Amino acid sequence: MMKYVLILSAIVFLGEASFAGNCQEKQGALDFGSGTTKAFAALVDVCKKQIIEVIYEERLPIALNEALEKSPNNEIPVPVISEALPRYQGLVKKMKELEVGKIYAVATSVFRVATNGKDIAQKISTELKIPVNIISQEREAELGFWSALAQKKVSTNDSIVVWDIGGGSMQMYSREHGKVHIYQGNLASVTFKNKILEVLQFKNPKEVSSPNPIGRQREAALQLAKNHAYLNVPTFFKEKAPHARWIGVGGVLSMSVQKQTKKNSSEFAIEELDEALKQRVFLQDSQIESDYRVSDISNLALVLGYMQALKIPKVETAQASLGQGLIYSALHAK
């Protein structure tokens, strides 16, 4: 009798192992952003629709939006892409070494607005032998939402706004009573930094990259951000803001602002952000340890201005990428 029990147990175990093997696979994604290119790869369970384990993450500071802003003809300079291609290829090579099968790739704001954006995306696609899709800002907002869901425990009863700020665009995304609400903005890390240069410092962003030190122009910079929020953010988000659970994704919120405001944490309050800006507003570029030093301080002013205008008390952050959202949303689409 014991012999039959052992045989039956072995058959069940092998069946379960085989089923798990059929369900699990390695997937990857590349997010060609305006200021950062992000790679993400994970072991996923397509049956349970879960990301089981992150096996690779990498962020490359490649300032495409900055290069676009300095371009005389609103193009992404080809030499900038040629210089970046070996680094892009390194990301794909690493995924292949990890035996990642399916690799998604999306391109965002800078590719949408550049006159040669489609050609550059095609060039990258050809070189990497991976389809690169330029996504709409609406789709970018949706993927930001999915990336937050992949990392945060969220109840269906939670009142959530996912806030995503990149180099060239800002998105807010919320679902309420089966309806989707999206804010699609054009004030972001590079565009706000350049607005400070133009409006407050009377400098040409095509010639000057950094507004630092912002110094005594702190209040004026905050007012620029607040005015933009007052004029452009839809009423839905204004009314929801003080009571919602805000989850910040994207490099500006989850990396730049989080690290400067409350390092080694995954949230920051409006009072902490205000204090961080006061302490750092007189720093020069040489005193800022960051690959994004030209926009780090102005990022603080941008986010604080928006939080003050909308009365957002606190922001949780998730170091998530659109690539993670892409994989997670694809799992739930099956």
Protein backbone atom coordinates (compact mmCIF):
# COMPACT_ATOMS: atom_id res chain seq x y z
CA MET A 1 0.00 0.00 0.00
CA MET A 2 2.83 2.36 0.96
CA LYS A 3 4.44 1.66 -2.43
CA TYR A 4 1.34 2.87 -4.29
CA VAL A 5 1.10 5.99 -2.10
CA LEU A 6 4.72 6.87 -2.89
CA ILE A 7 4.16 6.35 -6.62
CA LEU A 8 0.99 8.47 -6.55
CA SER A 9 2.81 11.23 -4.61
CA ALA A 10 5.64 11.19 -7.13
CA ILE A 11 3.19 11.49 -10.03
CA VAL A 12 1.44 14.45 -8.35
CA PHE A 13 4.78 16.16 -7.58
CA LEU A 14 6.04 15.72 -11.15
CA GLY A 15 2.73 16.99 -12.49
CA GLU A 16 2.89 20.10 -10.33
CA ALA A 17 6.52 20.72 -11.27
CA SER A 18 5.69 20.35 -14.95
CA PHE A 19 2.72 22.72 -14.59
CA ALA A 20 4.90 25.32 -12.82
CA GLY A 21 7.51 24.99 -15.55
CA ASN A 22 4.92 25.62 -18.23
CA CYS A 23 3.60 28.67 -16.38
CA GLN A 24 6.90 30.35 -15.56
CA GLU A 25 9.00 32.31 -18.02
CA LYS A 26 11.48 35.17 -18.10
CA GLN A 27 10.29 38.45 -19.60
CA GLY A 28 12.02 41.78 -20.03
CA ALA A 29 11.25 45.34 -21.00
CA LEU A 30 13.11 48.47 -22.08
CA ASP A 31 11.79 51.97 -21.41
CA PHE A 32 13.46 54.62 -23.58
CA GLY A 33 12.64 57.71 -21.54
CA SER A 34 13.43 61.37 -22.03
CA GLY A 35 16.21 61.47 -19.46
CA THR A 36 16.75 57.85 -18.45
CA THR A 37 16.65 54.52 -20.25
CA LYS A 38 15.49 51.74 -17.96
CA ALA A 39 15.81 47.97 -18.30
CA PHE A 40 13.72 45.52 -16.30
CA ALA A 41 13.57 41.72 -16.40
CA ALA A 42 11.70 39.27 -14.20
CA LEU A 43 10.62 35.69 -13.74
CA VAL A 44 6.85 35.72 -14.18
CA ASP A 45 4.04 33.25 -13.69
CA VAL A 46 1.68 33.64 -16.63
CA CYS A 47 -0.90 31.37 -15.00
CA LYS A 48 -1.09 33.24 -11.69
CA LYS A 49 -0.45 36.58 -13.47
CA GLN A 50 2.35 37.46 -11.07
CA ILE A 51 5.88 38.82 -11.18
CA ILE A 52 7.66 36.22 -9.07
CA GLU A 53 11.19 37.60 -8.96
CA VAL A 54 13.07 40.57 -10.40
CA ILE A 55 16.23 39.25 -12.04
CA TYR A 56 17.66 42.41 -13.60
CA GLU A 57 17.26 46.16 -13.32
CA GLU A 58 19.38 48.93 -14.80
CA ARG A 59 19.02 52.69 -15.33
CA LEU A 60 21.14 54.63 -17.80
CA PRO A 61 21.23 58.45 -17.60
CA ILE A 62 20.90 59.40 -21.28
CA ALA A 63 19.68 62.97 -21.58
CA LEU A 64 17.69 62.80 -24.81
CA ASN A 65 15.29 65.58 -23.84
CA GLU A 66 18.15 67.90 -22.93
CA ALA A 67 19.71 67.21 -26.34
CA LEU A 68 16.35 67.86 -28.02
CA GLU A 69 15.90 71.17 -26.19
CA LYS A 70 19.29 72.35 -27.47
CA SER A 71 18.59 71.18 -31.03
CA PRO A 72 17.98 74.03 -33.53
CA ASN A 73 15.46 71.95 -35.52
CA ASN A 74 13.59 70.08 -32.76
CA GLU A 75 15.39 66.80 -33.48
CA ILE A 76 17.07 64.20 -31.32
CA PRO A 77 20.69 64.55 -32.53
CA VAL A 78 21.81 61.39 -34.33
CA PRO A 79 25.32 61.51 -32.73
CA VAL A 80 23.68 61.32 -29.29
CA ILE A 81 21.88 58.12 -30.30
CA SER A 82 24.99 56.69 -31.96
CA GLU A 83 26.87 57.21 -28.71
CA ALA A 84 24.06 55.64 -26.70
CA LEU A 85 23.55 52.56 -28.90
CA PRO A 86 26.40 50.47 -27.41
CA ARG A 87 24.90 51.10 -23.96
CA TYR A 88 21.44 50.06 -25.20
CA GLN A 89 22.98 46.92 -26.74
CA GLY A 90 24.60 46.16 -23.39
CA LEU A 91 21.17 46.04 -21.75
CA VAL A 92 19.85 43.58 -24.33
CA LYS A 93 23.01 41.46 -24.10
CA LYS A 94 22.61 41.17 -20.35
CA MET A 95 18.98 40.05 -20.73
CA LYS A 96 19.97 37.45 -23.30
CA GLU A 97 22.65 36.14 -20.94
CA LEU A 98 19.94 35.73 -18.32
CA GLU A 99 17.89 33.75 -20.88
CA VAL A 100 15.11 36.32 -21.06
CA GLY A 101 12.79 35.29 -23.87
CA LYS A 102 10.23 37.98 -24.61
CA ILE A 103 11.49 41.60 -24.48
CA TYR A 104 9.08 44.52 -24.79
CA ALA A 105 10.31 48.04 -25.61
CA VAL A 106 8.56 51.41 -25.41
CA ALA A 107 9.65 54.98 -26.14
CA THR A 108 8.04 58.00 -24.50
CA SER A 109 7.78 61.80 -24.52
CA VAL A 110 10.96 62.85 -26.31
CA PHE A 111 10.19 60.48 -29.19
CA ARG A 112 6.65 61.85 -29.44
CA VAL A 113 7.68 65.49 -29.77
CA ALA A 114 10.92 65.24 -31.79
CA THR A 115 10.43 65.70 -35.54
CA ASN A 116 12.69 62.68 -36.12
CA GLY A 117 11.32 60.66 -33.18
CA LYS A 118 9.87 57.87 -35.34
CA ASP A 119 13.09 57.55 -37.35
CA ILE A 120 15.22 57.38 -34.19
CA ALA A 121 12.93 54.77 -32.64
CA GLN A 122 13.18 52.71 -35.84
CA LYS A 123 16.98 53.03 -35.81
CA ILE A 124 17.12 51.74 -32.23
CA SER A 125 14.69 48.95 -33.09
CA THR A 126 16.80 47.86 -36.08
CA GLU A 127 20.04 47.89 -34.11
CA LEU A 128 18.62 45.99 -31.14
CA LYS A 129 16.43 43.69 -33.25
CA ILE A 130 13.51 44.44 -30.91
CA PRO A 131 10.29 46.31 -31.84
CA VAL A 132 10.32 49.74 -30.16
CA ASN A 133 6.84 51.26 -29.85
CA ILE A 134 6.34 54.99 -29.32
CA ILE A 135 3.45 55.10 -26.88
CA SER A 136 0.91 57.87 -26.34
CA GLN A 137 0.95 59.92 -23.16
CA GLU A 138 -2.33 58.28 -22.18
CA ARG A 139 -0.74 54.84 -22.50
CA GLU A 140 2.29 56.08 -20.56
CA ALA A 141 0.00 57.13 -17.71
CA GLU A 142 -1.72 53.73 -17.76
CA LEU A 143 1.60 51.86 -17.63
CA GLY A 144 2.69 54.03 -14.71
CA PHE A 145 -0.47 52.91 -12.92
CA TRP A 146 0.29 49.25 -13.62
CA SER A 147 3.89 49.66 -12.45
CA ALA A 148 2.60 51.00 -9.13
CA LEU A 149 0.16 48.09 -8.79
CA ALA A 150 3.03 45.66 -9.38
CA GLN A 151 4.89 47.03 -6.34
CA LYS A 152 2.33 48.36 -3.89
CA LYS A 153 -0.38 46.55 -1.96
CA VAL A 154 -3.52 48.24 -3.16
CA SER A 155 -7.09 47.66 -2.04
CA THR A 156 -9.95 48.15 -4.44
CA ASN A 157 -11.38 50.53 -1.82
CA ASP A 158 -8.29 52.76 -1.84
CA SER A 159 -8.61 56.19 -3.42
CA ILE A 160 -5.40 56.21 -5.48
CA VAL A 161 -3.63 58.63 -7.77
CA VAL A 162 -0.49 57.42 -9.53
CA TRP A 163 1.77 60.37 -10.29
CA ASP A 164 4.51 60.03 -12.86
CA ILE A 165 7.03 62.75 -13.73
CA GLY A 166 9.77 62.19 -16.28
CA GLY A 167 12.10 64.37 -18.28
CA GLY A 168 9.51 65.68 -20.71
CA SER A 169 6.02 64.85 -19.45
CA MET A 170 3.88 64.51 -16.33
CA GLN A 171 0.95 62.15 -15.84
CA MET A 172 -1.65 61.55 -13.14
CA TYR A 173 -3.86 58.46 -13.35
CA SER A 174 -6.82 57.38 -11.24
CA ARG A 175 -9.75 55.00 -11.49
CA GLU A 176 -13.02 55.69 -9.72
CA HIS A 177 -16.35 53.90 -10.11
CA GLY A 178 -15.12 52.18 -13.27
CA LYS A 179 -14.07 55.45 -14.90
CA VAL A 180 -10.48 56.37 -15.75
CA HIS A 181 -9.20 59.89 -15.12
CA ILE A 182 -5.90 61.06 -16.64
CA TYR A 183 -3.96 64.29 -16.47
CA GLN A 184 -1.46 64.68 -19.32
CA GLY A 185 0.95 67.54 -18.68
CA ASN A 186 3.99 68.94 -20.42
CA LEU A 187 5.70 70.48 -17.38
CA ALA A 188 8.32 67.98 -16.23
CA SER A 189 11.93 67.80 -15.11
CA VAL A 190 13.71 69.32 -18.13
CA THR A 191 10.91 71.61 -19.27
CA PHE A 192 10.50 73.11 -15.77
CA LYS A 193 14.26 73.55 -15.34
CA ASN A 194 14.32 75.39 -18.67
CA LYS A 195 11.36 77.54 -17.65
CA ILE A 196 13.35 78.72 -14.62
CA LEU A 197 16.27 79.55 -16.92
CA GLU A 198 14.07 81.49 -19.36
CA VAL A 199 11.50 83.19 -17.17
CA LEU A 200 13.43 83.86 -13.97
CA GLN A 201 17.08 83.99 -15.02
CA PHE A 202 16.71 85.39 -18.57
CA LYS A 203 19.03 82.70 -19.96
CA ASN A 204 18.76 80.67 -23.16
CA PRO A 205 18.29 76.92 -22.42
CA LYS A 206 19.89 76.12 -25.78
CA GLU A 207 23.10 77.67 -24.45
CA VAL A 208 22.86 77.11 -20.68
CA SER A 209 21.90 73.79 -19.08
CA SER A 210 21.80 74.49 -15.36
CA PRO A 211 19.78 77.00 -13.32
CA ASN A 212 21.84 76.26 -10.18
CA PRO A 213 22.10 77.83 -7.76
CA ILE A 214 18.44 78.84 -7.77
CA GLY A 215 18.99 80.65 -4.48
CA ARG A 216 16.66 83.55 -3.75
CA GLN A 217 14.52 82.68 -6.76
CA ARG A 218 13.11 79.78 -4.76
CA GLU A 219 9.71 81.39 -4.13
CA ALA A 220 9.41 82.53 -7.75
CA ALA A 221 10.22 78.99 -8.95
CA LEU A 222 7.59 77.55 -6.62
CA GLN A 223 5.07 80.04 -7.97
CA LEU A 224 5.79 78.94 -11.55
CA ALA A 225 4.94 75.35 -10.59
CA LYS A 226 1.88 76.37 -8.56
CA ASN A 227 0.49 78.53 -11.35
CA HIS A 228 0.88 75.66 -13.80
CA ALA A 229 -0.96 73.30 -11.45
CA TYR A 230 -3.77 75.81 -10.84
CA LEU A 231 -4.28 76.37 -14.56
CA ASN A 232 -3.83 72.88 -15.97
CA VAL A 233 -4.70 70.10 -13.52
CA PRO A 234 -8.32 68.92 -13.99
CA THR A 235 -10.90 69.57 -11.26
CA PHE A 236 -11.18 65.84 -10.54
CA PHE A 237 -7.59 65.67 -9.27
CA LYS A 238 -7.83 69.01 -7.44
CA GLU A 239 -10.83 67.77 -5.46
CA LYS A 240 -9.36 64.33 -4.87
CA ALA A 241 -5.82 65.46 -3.99
CA PRO A 242 -6.05 66.22 -0.23
CA HIS A 243 -7.63 62.86 0.63
CA ALA A 244 -6.17 60.46 -1.95
CA ARG A 245 -3.33 58.02 -1.60
CA TRP A 246 -0.64 59.41 -3.94
CA ILE A 247 1.89 56.95 -5.36
CA GLY A 248 4.84 58.50 -7.18
CA VAL A 249 6.60 56.59 -9.94
CA GLY A 250 9.17 57.70 -12.48
CA GLY A 251 12.67 59.03 -11.92
CA VAL A 252 11.76 62.49 -10.64
CA LEU A 253 9.55 61.38 -7.76
CA SER A 254 10.90 57.95 -6.82
CA MET A 255 14.60 58.74 -7.30
CA SER A 256 15.50 62.44 -7.45
CA VAL A 257 13.01 63.90 -4.96
CA GLN A 258 12.87 60.86 -2.66
CA LYS A 259 16.65 60.67 -2.24
CA GLN A 260 17.03 64.40 -1.62
CA THR A 261 14.11 64.59 0.79
CA LYS A 262 14.13 61.39 2.82
CA LYS A 263 16.83 58.95 1.77
CA ASN A 264 16.30 55.21 2.36
CA SER A 265 12.55 55.72 2.62
CA SER A 266 9.63 55.18 0.27
CA GLU A 267 7.58 58.25 1.12
CA PHE A 268 7.97 61.96 1.81
CA ALA A 269 5.68 64.56 3.36
CA ILE A 270 5.18 68.08 2.07
CA GLU A 271 6.95 69.54 5.15
CA GLU A 272 10.03 67.36 4.53
CA LEU A 273 10.15 68.42 0.89
CA ASP A 274 9.88 72.09 1.86
CA GLU A 275 12.81 71.73 4.26
CA ALA A 276 14.92 69.86 1.69
CA LEU A 277 14.43 72.63 -0.87
CA LYS A 278 15.39 75.32 1.68
CA GLN A 279 18.60 73.43 2.49
CA ARG A 280 19.63 72.69 -1.10
CA VAL A 281 18.50 75.75 -3.05
CA PHE A 282 21.89 77.50 -2.79
CA LEU A 283 23.91 74.49 -4.01
CA GLN A 284 25.99 74.78 -7.16
CA ASP A 285 26.36 71.93 -9.64
CA SER A 286 29.79 71.00 -8.25
CA GLN A 287 28.21 70.42 -4.83
CA ILE A 288 25.49 68.06 -6.08
CA GLU A 289 26.38 64.36 -6.32
CA SER A 290 24.06 63.18 -9.05
CA ASP A 291 23.99 62.33 -12.75
CA TYR A 292 21.01 64.70 -12.92
CA ARG A 293 22.51 67.62 -11.00
CA VAL A 294 21.28 70.26 -13.45
CA SER A 295 17.64 69.40 -12.65
CA ASP A 296 17.74 67.87 -9.15
CA ILE A 297 17.04 71.10 -7.25
CA SER A 298 14.43 72.34 -9.70
CA ASN A 299 12.73 68.92 -9.36
CA LEU A 300 12.21 69.72 -5.68
CA ALA A 301 10.62 73.06 -6.57
CA LEU A 302 8.40 71.50 -9.24
CA VAL A 303 7.02 68.79 -6.96
CA LEU A 304 6.67 71.06 -3.91
CA GLY A 305 4.84 73.68 -5.99
CA TYR A 306 2.39 71.08 -7.23
CA MET A 307 1.88 69.61 -3.77
CA GLN A 308 1.21 73.07 -2.31
CA ALA A 309 -1.19 74.02 -5.09
CA LEU A 310 -3.17 70.77 -4.90
CA LYS A 311 -2.82 70.34 -1.12
CA ILE A 312 -1.16 66.92 -1.39
CA PRO A 313 0.06 66.04 2.14
CA LYS A 314 2.27 63.06 1.33
CA VAL A 315 3.56 60.99 -1.59
CA GLU A 316 4.48 57.31 -1.43
CA THR A 317 7.10 56.31 -3.97
CA ALA A 318 7.76 53.13 -5.92
CA GLN A 319 10.98 52.67 -7.87
CA ALA A 320 9.00 51.21 -10.72
CA SER A 321 9.56 51.55 -14.43
CA LEU A 322 7.17 51.59 -17.35
CA GLY A 323 8.80 48.31 -18.34
CA GLN A 324 7.59 46.73 -15.14
CA GLY A 325 4.13 48.12 -15.82
CA LEU A 326 4.30 46.81 -19.37
CA ILE A 327 5.03 43.26 -18.22
CA TYR A 328 2.46 43.37 -15.41
CA SER A 329 -0.31 44.78 -17.62
CA ALA A 330 0.45 42.19 -20.32
CA LEU A 331 0.08 39.40 -17.77
CA HIS A 332 -3.35 40.68 -16.77
CA ALA A 333 -4.42 41.13 -20.37
CA LYS A 334 -4.16 37.37 -21.01
